[in-house]
Amino acid sequence: MIPHSPHSVLLHPYVTEKTLNLMEVHNSLVFAVREGSTKPQIKWAFEMMFEVKVDSIKVKHGKFGKHAIIKLGEGYNAEDIGMRIGIF
């Protein structure tokens, strides 16, 4: 099922030194996502919000909630998205 809004799936960017390294080296961003959201829902929400193509998604459950590691498709730059959302 597709949610009504991308904001109901993606909560906020998860920014640490390690996630900044993922952005630079692996062209990936990490977002905190709502519990119960699926990979297809996360992909849909990210592609709708930022108008990019997603290559793959890995989901981690940590002590601070559920996080999605979103690897962008070829031709898209995670650092550009980071600049647009104010990570830098």
C-alpha atoms as a PDB file:
ATOM      1  CA  MET A   1       0.000   0.000   0.000  1.00  0.00           C
ATOM      2  CA  ILE A   2       1.341   3.437  -0.947  1.00  0.00           C
ATOM      3  CA  PRO A   3       1.041   6.028   1.860  1.00  0.00           C
ATOM      4  CA  HIS A   4      -0.680   9.364   1.254  1.00  0.00           C
ATOM      5  CA  SER A   5       2.423  11.457   1.820  1.00  0.00           C
ATOM      6  CA  PRO A   6       6.194  10.851   1.620  1.00  0.00           C
ATOM      7  CA  HIS A   7       6.474  12.650   4.960  1.00  0.00           C
ATOM      8  CA  SER A   8       4.459   9.886   6.598  1.00  0.00           C
ATOM      9  CA  VAL A   9       7.298   7.451   5.768  1.00  0.00           C
ATOM     10  CA  LEU A  10      10.527   9.493   5.915  1.00  0.00           C
ATOM     11  CA  LEU A  11      10.831  11.230   9.268  1.00  0.00           C
ATOM     12  CA  HIS A  12      14.170  13.060   9.063  1.00  0.00           C
ATOM     13  CA  PRO A  13      17.755  12.621   7.879  1.00  0.00           C
ATOM     14  CA  TYR A  14      19.960  10.742  10.320  1.00  0.00           C
ATOM     15  CA  VAL A  15      23.280  12.596  10.410  1.00  0.00           C
ATOM     16  CA  THR A  16      26.412  11.311  12.124  1.00  0.00           C
ATOM     17  CA  GLU A  17      30.055  11.236  11.147  1.00  0.00           C
ATOM     18  CA  LYS A  18      29.564   7.712   9.829  1.00  0.00           C
ATOM     19  CA  THR A  19      26.512   8.625   7.730  1.00  0.00           C
ATOM     20  CA  LEU A  20      28.382  11.602   6.250  1.00  0.00           C
ATOM     21  CA  ASN A  21      31.103   9.160   5.198  1.00  0.00           C
ATOM     22  CA  LEU A  22      28.443   6.955   3.550  1.00  0.00           C
ATOM     23  CA  MET A  23      27.243   9.998   1.644  1.00  0.00           C
ATOM     24  CA  GLU A  24      30.684  10.815   0.277  1.00  0.00           C
ATOM     25  CA  VAL A  25      32.022   7.318  -0.383  1.00  0.00           C
ATOM     26  CA  HIS A  26      28.940   5.234  -1.263  1.00  0.00           C
ATOM     27  CA  ASN A  27      26.532   7.892  -2.620  1.00  0.00           C
ATOM     28  CA  SER A  28      24.026   6.982   0.118  1.00  0.00           C
ATOM     29  CA  LEU A  29      21.847   8.889   2.580  1.00  0.00           C
ATOM     30  CA  VAL A  30      20.461   7.633   5.883  1.00  0.00           C
ATOM     31  CA  PHE A  31      16.958   8.562   7.016  1.00  0.00           C
ATOM     32  CA  ALA A  32      14.983   7.737  10.114  1.00  0.00           C
ATOM     33  CA  VAL A  33      11.795   6.083   8.889  1.00  0.00           C
ATOM     34  CA  ARG A  34       8.482   5.236  10.478  1.00  0.00           C
ATOM     35  CA  GLU A  35       8.236   1.804  12.095  1.00  0.00           C
ATOM     36  CA  GLY A  36       6.238  -0.527   9.890  1.00  0.00           C
ATOM     37  CA  SER A  37       7.269   1.110   6.627  1.00  0.00           C
ATOM     38  CA  THR A  38       8.475  -1.258   3.920  1.00  0.00           C
ATOM     39  CA  LYS A  39      11.326  -0.926   1.425  1.00  0.00           C
ATOM     40  CA  PRO A  40       8.951  -0.203  -1.493  1.00  0.00           C
ATOM     41  CA  GLN A  41       7.243   2.520   0.576  1.00  0.00           C
ATOM     42  CA  ILE A  42      10.613   4.051   1.513  1.00  0.00           C
ATOM     43  CA  LYS A  43      11.738   3.977  -2.124  1.00  0.00           C
ATOM     44  CA  TRP A  44       8.500   5.588  -3.298  1.00  0.00           C
ATOM     45  CA  ALA A  45       8.669   8.303  -0.628  1.00  0.00           C
ATOM     46  CA  PHE A  46      12.317   9.173  -1.319  1.00  0.00           C
ATOM     47  CA  GLU A  47      11.831   9.273  -5.088  1.00  0.00           C
ATOM     48  CA  MET A  48       8.746  11.476  -4.703  1.00  0.00           C
ATOM     49  CA  MET A  49      10.398  13.915  -2.291  1.00  0.00           C
ATOM     50  CA  PHE A  50      13.714  14.390  -4.080  1.00  0.00           C
ATOM     51  CA  GLU A  51      12.928  13.459  -7.710  1.00  0.00           C
ATOM     52  CA  VAL A  52      15.821  10.979  -7.972  1.00  0.00           C
ATOM     53  CA  LYS A  53      16.127   7.260  -8.695  1.00  0.00           C
ATOM     54  CA  VAL A  54      16.971   4.906  -5.838  1.00  0.00           C
ATOM     55  CA  ASP A  55      19.345   2.015  -6.533  1.00  0.00           C
ATOM     56  CA  SER A  56      18.926   0.051  -3.288  1.00  0.00           C
ATOM     57  CA  ILE A  57      17.683   0.307   0.280  1.00  0.00           C
ATOM     58  CA  LYS A  58      18.974  -1.369   3.417  1.00  0.00           C
ATOM     59  CA  VAL A  59      16.980  -1.156   6.636  1.00  0.00           C
ATOM     60  CA  LYS A  60      18.478  -1.234  10.140  1.00  0.00           C
ATOM     61  CA  HIS A  61      16.700  -1.436  13.458  1.00  0.00           C
ATOM     62  CA  GLY A  62      18.747   0.326  16.112  1.00  0.00           C
ATOM     63  CA  LYS A  63      18.198   1.595  19.610  1.00  0.00           C
ATOM     64  CA  PHE A  64      17.169   4.962  18.141  1.00  0.00           C
ATOM     65  CA  GLY A  65      14.530   3.484  15.817  1.00  0.00           C
ATOM     66  CA  LYS A  66      14.373   2.270  12.244  1.00  0.00           C
ATOM     67  CA  HIS A  67      16.845   3.694   9.722  1.00  0.00           C
ATOM     68  CA  ALA A  68      16.973   3.294   5.957  1.00  0.00           C
ATOM     69  CA  ILE A  69      20.278   3.490   4.094  1.00  0.00           C
ATOM     70  CA  ILE A  70      19.266   4.757   0.667  1.00  0.00           C
ATOM     71  CA  LYS A  71      21.756   4.322  -2.178  1.00  0.00           C
ATOM     72  CA  LEU A  72      21.076   6.641  -5.091  1.00  0.00           C
ATOM     73  CA  GLY A  73      21.061   5.523  -8.698  1.00  0.00           C
ATOM     74  CA  GLU A  74      23.744   6.328 -11.225  1.00  0.00           C
ATOM     75  CA  GLY A  75      23.753   9.961 -12.267  1.00  0.00           C
ATOM     76  CA  TYR A  76      22.454  11.272  -8.930  1.00  0.00           C
ATOM     77  CA  ASN A  77      24.620  12.708  -6.164  1.00  0.00           C
ATOM     78  CA  ALA A  78      23.871  12.230  -2.453  1.00  0.00           C
ATOM     79  CA  GLU A  79      25.879  15.347  -1.586  1.00  0.00           C
ATOM     80  CA  ASP A  80      23.551  17.456  -3.765  1.00  0.00           C
ATOM     81  CA  ILE A  81      20.539  16.088  -1.884  1.00  0.00           C
ATOM     82  CA  GLY A  82      22.362  16.742   1.403  1.00  0.00           C
ATOM     83  CA  MET A  83      22.894  20.369   0.411  1.00  0.00           C
ATOM     84  CA  ARG A  84      19.199  20.748  -0.509  1.00  0.00           C
ATOM     85  CA  ILE A  85      18.009  19.450   2.862  1.00  0.00           C
ATOM     86  CA  GLY A  86      20.576  21.342   4.911  1.00  0.00           C
ATOM     87  CA  ILE A  87      22.888  18.590   6.126  1.00  0.00           C
ATOM     88  CA  PHE A  88      25.971  20.702   5.356  1.00  0.00           C
END
